[in-house]
N, C-alpha and C. Protein backbone atom coordinates (compact mmCIF):
# COMPACT_ATOMS: atom_id res chain seq x y z
N ILE A 1 93.31 63.20 102.27
CA ILE A 1 94.69 62.44 103.72
C ILE A 1 93.78 63.64 104.53
N GLY A 2 93.03 64.45 104.77
CA GLY A 2 92.08 65.47 105.85
C GLY A 2 91.01 64.50 106.18
N TYR A 3 90.81 63.23 104.97
CA TYR A 3 89.41 62.25 105.62
C TYR A 3 90.00 61.77 106.54
N LYS A 4 91.17 61.03 105.33
CA LYS A 4 91.53 60.11 106.91
C LYS A 4 92.02 60.16 107.70
N ALA A 5 93.32 61.33 107.94
CA ALA A 5 93.03 61.76 109.21
C ALA A 5 91.84 61.54 110.20
N LEU A 6 90.70 62.76 109.60
CA LEU A 6 90.04 63.40 111.10
C LEU A 6 89.27 61.78 111.07
N LYS A 7 89.26 60.84 109.84
CA LYS A 7 88.06 59.34 110.28
C LYS A 7 89.41 58.35 111.60
N LEU A 8 90.32 59.16 111.44
CA LEU A 8 91.77 58.06 112.27
C LEU A 8 91.16 58.54 114.00
N VAL A 9 91.30 60.49 113.77
CA VAL A 9 91.19 60.58 115.15
C VAL A 9 89.64 60.45 115.68
N TYR A 10 88.99 60.64 114.90
CA TYR A 10 87.39 59.87 115.52
C TYR A 10 86.84 58.51 115.56
N ASP A 11 87.65 57.21 114.69
CA ASP A 11 87.68 55.96 115.86
C ASP A 11 88.97 55.91 117.21
N HIS A 12 89.68 56.73 116.63
CA HIS A 12 89.85 56.41 118.51
C HIS A 12 89.60 56.75 119.08
N SER A 13 88.41 58.54 118.89
CA SER A 13 87.65 58.74 120.67
C SER A 13 86.68 58.45 120.80
N VAL A 14 85.67 57.24 118.90
CA VAL A 14 84.50 56.02 120.10
C VAL A 14 85.85 55.38 120.27
N ILE A 15 86.77 54.37 119.74
CA ILE A 15 86.83 52.95 120.22
C ILE A 15 88.09 53.17 121.79
N LYS A 16 87.41 53.38 122.49
CA LYS A 16 89.18 53.31 123.41
C LYS A 16 90.34 52.63 123.50
N ASP A 17 89.21 50.97 124.47
CA ASP A 17 90.13 50.49 125.09
C ASP A 17 90.73 49.12 123.91
N GLY A 18 91.92 48.54 124.20
CA GLY A 18 91.50 47.17 123.22
C GLY A 18 91.20 46.68 122.39
N GLU A 19 90.90 45.58 123.44
CA GLU A 19 90.09 45.01 122.72
C GLU A 19 89.29 45.12 121.44
N SER A 20 87.89 46.08 121.63
CA SER A 20 87.20 47.55 120.79
C SER A 20 87.85 47.84 119.71
N LYS A 21 88.64 47.36 119.82
CA LYS A 21 89.59 47.85 119.03
C LYS A 21 89.36 46.94 118.12
N ASP A 22 90.19 46.66 119.19
CA ASP A 22 89.77 44.61 117.72
C ASP A 22 89.54 44.31 117.44
N VAL A 23 88.32 44.56 118.16
CA VAL A 23 86.34 43.46 116.62
C VAL A 23 86.89 44.38 116.06
N TYR A 24 86.62 46.57 116.00
CA TYR A 24 85.95 46.83 115.06
C TYR A 24 87.09 46.53 114.44
N LEU A 25 88.43 46.90 114.05
CA LEU A 25 88.83 46.40 112.60
C LEU A 25 89.04 44.97 112.79
N TYR A 26 89.06 43.93 113.44
CA TYR A 26 88.69 42.27 112.74
C TYR A 26 87.20 42.93 111.77
N THR A 27 86.02 43.37 112.16
CA THR A 27 85.11 43.54 111.80
C THR A 27 84.94 44.70 110.42
N LYS A 28 85.93 45.21 110.20
CA LYS A 28 86.07 46.57 109.57
C LYS A 28 86.99 45.15 107.89
N HIS A 29 87.68 44.36 108.12
CA HIS A 29 89.01 43.84 107.65
C HIS A 29 87.53 42.58 106.77
N LEU A 30 85.99 41.85 107.81
CA LEU A 30 86.26 41.19 107.60
C LEU A 30 84.70 41.37 106.79
N TYR A 31 83.98 43.01 107.28
CA TYR A 31 84.05 43.63 106.43
C TYR A 31 84.64 44.05 104.84
N ASP A 32 85.47 44.13 104.59
CA ASP A 32 86.25 44.53 103.34
C ASP A 32 86.48 43.12 102.58
N ASN A 33 86.65 42.22 102.63
CA ASN A 33 87.43 41.24 102.64
C ASN A 33 85.72 40.60 101.75
N PHE A 34 84.86 39.79 102.56
CA PHE A 34 83.57 40.00 102.17
C PHE A 34 82.97 41.29 100.81
N LYS A 35 83.09 41.78 100.90
CA LYS A 35 82.87 43.16 99.48
C LYS A 35 84.02 42.47 98.11
N SER A 36 84.99 42.52 98.80
CA SER A 36 85.85 41.82 97.44
C SER A 36 84.88 40.56 97.07
N PHE A 37 84.72 39.41 97.77
CA PHE A 37 84.49 38.49 97.55
C PHE A 37 83.12 38.41 96.36
N ASP A 38 82.47 39.83 96.92
CA ASP A 38 81.20 39.93 96.68
C ASP A 38 81.68 40.35 95.20
N GLU A 39 82.31 40.93 94.51
CA GLU A 39 82.16 41.24 93.85
C GLU A 39 83.21 40.56 92.17
N TRP A 40 84.34 39.81 93.15
CA TRP A 40 84.91 38.92 92.94
C TRP A 40 83.72 37.87 92.05
N SER A 41 83.00 37.33 93.31
CA SER A 41 81.89 36.26 93.31
C SER A 41 80.71 36.75 91.75
N TYR A 42 80.36 37.93 92.11
CA TYR A 42 79.38 38.42 90.80
C TYR A 42 80.48 38.79 89.18
N GLN A 43 81.31 38.54 89.14
CA GLN A 43 82.13 38.69 88.07
C GLN A 43 82.04 36.87 87.38
N SER A 44 82.71 36.55 88.34
CA SER A 44 82.85 35.09 88.27
C SER A 44 81.94 33.94 87.58
N LEU A 45 80.89 34.35 88.88
CA LEU A 45 79.06 33.71 88.40
C LEU A 45 78.49 33.62 86.87
N SER A 46 78.88 35.72 86.94
CA SER A 46 78.13 35.95 85.17
C SER A 46 79.25 35.68 84.53
N ILE A 47 80.45 35.28 84.26
CA ILE A 47 81.34 34.83 83.51
C ILE A 47 80.54 32.51 83.60
N ILE A 48 80.41 32.74 83.98
CA ILE A 48 79.80 30.69 84.40
C ILE A 48 78.70 30.83 84.10
N ASN A 49 77.63 32.43 83.53
CA ASN A 49 76.38 31.73 83.19
C ASN A 49 75.97 32.21 81.97
N GLN A 50 77.83 32.76 80.89
CA GLN A 50 77.93 33.82 79.77
C GLN A 50 77.85 32.36 79.11
N ASN A 51 78.82 31.19 80.12
CA ASN A 51 79.53 30.27 79.12
C ASN A 51 77.98 28.62 78.75
N MET A 52 77.20 28.83 80.04
CA MET A 52 76.46 27.92 80.19
C MET A 52 76.01 27.85 79.41
N LYS A 53 75.46 29.89 78.77
CA LYS A 53 74.19 29.75 77.83
C LYS A 53 75.09 29.02 76.14
N ASP A 54 76.17 30.23 76.36
CA ASP A 54 76.96 29.88 74.88
C ASP A 54 76.94 28.29 74.19
N GLN A 55 76.98 27.45 76.05
CA GLN A 55 77.26 26.15 75.38
C GLN A 55 76.07 25.28 74.88
N HIS A 56 74.89 26.07 75.99
CA HIS A 56 73.90 25.74 75.68
C HIS A 56 73.27 25.55 73.96
N HIS A 57 73.58 26.97 73.99
CA HIS A 57 73.53 27.45 72.07
C HIS A 57 73.96 26.24 71.81
N GLU A 58 75.69 26.04 71.56
CA GLU A 58 76.28 25.28 70.74
C GLU A 58 75.90 24.40 70.38
N MET A 59 75.38 23.34 71.55
CA MET A 59 74.97 22.19 71.93
C MET A 59 73.79 21.61 70.72
N ARG A 60 72.84 23.74 71.23
CA ARG A 60 71.48 22.68 70.87
C ARG A 60 71.21 22.57 69.60
N SER A 61 73.03 23.54 68.30
CA SER A 61 72.94 23.76 66.72
C SER A 61 72.83 22.43 66.60
N ASN A 62 74.22 21.74 67.23
CA ASN A 62 74.44 20.43 67.18
C ASN A 62 73.15 19.20 67.10
N LEU A 63 72.82 18.80 67.94
CA LEU A 63 71.62 18.65 67.40
C LEU A 63 70.34 18.76 66.91
N GLU A 64 70.60 19.78 66.64
CA GLU A 64 69.88 20.88 65.64
C GLU A 64 69.80 19.63 64.18
N ALA A 65 71.26 19.93 63.86
CA ALA A 65 72.20 19.63 63.08
C ALA A 65 72.09 18.14 62.89
N THR A 66 72.30 17.00 63.54
CA THR A 66 72.20 16.33 63.98
C THR A 66 71.04 15.43 63.71
N HIS A 67 69.78 16.10 64.15
CA HIS A 67 68.92 15.28 63.70
C HIS A 67 68.23 16.26 62.21
N GLU A 68 68.36 17.23 62.38
CA GLU A 68 68.06 17.33 60.34
C GLU A 68 68.70 15.78 59.27
N THR A 69 69.95 15.57 59.64
CA THR A 69 70.66 14.72 59.02
C THR A 69 69.87 13.74 59.77
N MET A 70 69.47 13.08 60.25
CA MET A 70 68.88 12.24 60.72
C MET A 70 67.93 11.68 59.74
N GLU A 71 67.26 12.73 59.64
CA GLU A 71 66.01 12.56 59.16
C GLU A 71 65.50 12.47 57.75
N LYS A 72 66.96 13.69 56.94
CA LYS A 72 66.80 13.19 55.75
C LYS A 72 67.71 11.94 55.51
N ASN A 73 68.74 11.42 56.56
CA ASN A 73 68.38 10.49 55.57
C ASN A 73 67.81 8.93 55.44
N LEU A 74 66.93 9.01 57.14
CA LEU A 74 65.84 7.86 56.59
C LEU A 74 64.69 8.60 55.67
N GLN A 75 64.75 9.71 55.00
CA GLN A 75 63.73 10.10 54.31
C GLN A 75 64.34 9.12 52.82
N ALA A 76 65.57 9.61 53.20
CA ALA A 76 65.76 8.66 51.71
C ALA A 76 66.05 7.83 51.44
N SER A 77 66.68 6.51 53.02
CA SER A 77 66.28 5.19 53.24
C SER A 77 64.91 4.43 53.01
N HIS A 78 63.81 5.24 53.44
CA HIS A 78 62.55 4.95 53.12
C HIS A 78 61.55 5.10 51.70
N LEU A 79 62.64 6.33 50.93
CA LEU A 79 62.31 6.44 49.84
C LEU A 79 63.24 5.12 48.87
N THR A 80 63.52 4.48 49.14
CA THR A 80 64.49 2.94 48.69
C THR A 80 64.45 2.11 48.73
N MET A 81 63.25 2.24 50.15
CA MET A 81 62.48 0.65 50.32
C MET A 81 61.26 0.73 49.60
N ASN A 82 61.11 2.40 49.02
CA ASN A 82 59.28 2.04 49.25
C ASN A 82 59.40 1.99 47.42
N GLU A 83 61.31 2.05 46.74
CA GLU A 83 60.83 2.13 45.67
C GLU A 83 61.58 0.64 45.14
N ASN A 84 62.08 -0.14 45.99
CA ASN A 84 62.61 -1.43 45.62
C ASN A 84 61.27 -2.98 46.30
N LEU A 85 60.05 -2.01 47.37
CA LEU A 85 59.26 -3.23 47.33
C LEU A 85 58.21 -2.61 45.75
N GLY A 86 58.27 -1.54 45.44
CA GLY A 86 57.16 -1.28 44.47
C GLY A 86 57.91 -1.42 43.25
N ASN A 87 59.98 -1.83 42.24
CA ASN A 87 59.51 -2.79 41.95
C ASN A 87 59.44 -3.96 42.06
N ALA A 88 60.02 -4.26 43.06
CA ALA A 88 58.80 -5.64 43.47
C ALA A 88 58.65 -6.04 43.75
N MET A 89 57.52 -5.86 43.91
CA MET A 89 56.04 -5.89 43.53
C MET A 89 55.64 -6.19 42.44
N VAL A 90 56.37 -4.94 41.00
CA VAL A 90 56.20 -4.92 39.24
C VAL A 90 56.65 -6.76 39.05
N GLU A 91 57.87 -7.25 39.82
CA GLU A 91 58.43 -8.20 39.44
C GLU A 91 57.53 -9.68 39.71
N ILE A 92 57.03 -9.53 40.55
CA ILE A 92 56.30 -10.30 41.04
C ILE A 92 55.16 -10.86 40.35
N ASP A 93 54.19 -9.36 39.65
CA ASP A 93 52.86 -9.19 38.76
C ASP A 93 53.66 -10.25 37.64
N LYS A 94 54.04 -9.93 37.45
CA LYS A 94 55.29 -10.13 36.13
C LYS A 94 55.61 -11.84 36.08
N MET A 95 55.54 -11.93 37.27
CA MET A 95 56.22 -13.54 37.49
C MET A 95 54.86 -13.98 37.67
N LYS A 96 53.80 -13.55 37.82
CA LYS A 96 52.42 -13.88 38.15
C LYS A 96 51.83 -14.59 36.76
N SER A 97 51.78 -12.94 35.47
CA SER A 97 51.39 -13.63 34.09
C SER A 97 51.25 -14.87 33.55
N ALA A 98 53.36 -14.32 33.77
CA ALA A 98 53.80 -15.71 32.55
C ALA A 98 53.55 -16.79 33.53
N ILE A 99 53.28 -16.66 34.70
CA ILE A 99 52.65 -18.28 35.07
C ILE A 99 50.99 -18.75 34.95
N ASP A 100 50.35 -17.46 34.74
CA ASP A 100 50.06 -17.69 34.23
C ASP A 100 49.56 -17.98 32.46
N GLU A 101 49.99 -17.85 32.18
CA GLU A 101 50.35 -18.59 31.07
C GLU A 101 50.42 -19.71 30.61
N MET A 102 51.98 -20.25 31.43
CA MET A 102 52.27 -20.47 31.24
C MET A 102 51.46 -21.67 31.85
N LYS A 103 50.14 -22.00 33.26
CA LYS A 103 49.26 -22.69 32.76
C LYS A 103 47.98 -22.91 32.02
N THR A 104 48.09 -22.18 31.59
CA THR A 104 47.38 -22.09 30.31
C THR A 104 48.32 -22.14 29.34
N SER A 105 49.25 -22.48 28.58
CA SER A 105 50.14 -23.61 27.43
C SER A 105 49.57 -25.10 27.87
N ILE A 106 50.54 -24.96 29.16
CA ILE A 106 49.59 -26.72 29.28
C ILE A 106 48.73 -27.33 29.50
N ALA A 107 47.14 -25.64 30.10
CA ALA A 107 45.71 -26.38 30.07
C ALA A 107 45.96 -27.44 28.03
N GLU A 108 46.25 -26.14 27.70
CA GLU A 108 45.68 -26.58 25.86
C GLU A 108 46.39 -27.39 25.61
N MET A 109 47.97 -27.69 25.67
CA MET A 109 48.22 -29.13 25.67
C MET A 109 47.94 -30.47 25.80
N ASN A 110 47.15 -29.77 27.03
CA ASN A 110 46.62 -31.70 28.12
C ASN A 110 44.97 -31.17 26.85
N ALA A 111 44.70 -30.84 26.58
CA ALA A 111 43.50 -30.19 26.07
C ALA A 111 43.53 -30.95 24.48
N ASN A 112 44.85 -30.90 23.95
CA ASN A 112 44.91 -31.49 22.88
C ASN A 112 45.47 -33.02 22.76
């Protein structure tokens, strides 16, 4: 209380006319508002920053999981395609052998 009383006496002795006092009070009011706004904006921006970090981490985790699943699916698909291609080549080779046997049989029949 003593400080406030002393400050009030000081303010009245330094600021004598009404216009200067209004400017002083307006400036003090602006300072107080900017100070509280600065504290509020710091807290708000800190929360926004943390939320962005959290969302980025979550998005990256989801993206990595999706890519991993996609990679596994592609590997399985390629493996299946390779197996099918190999089986088709074996079947073609069997068909080629059967055709060669038929040609040999036909040639032997024509020779007799």
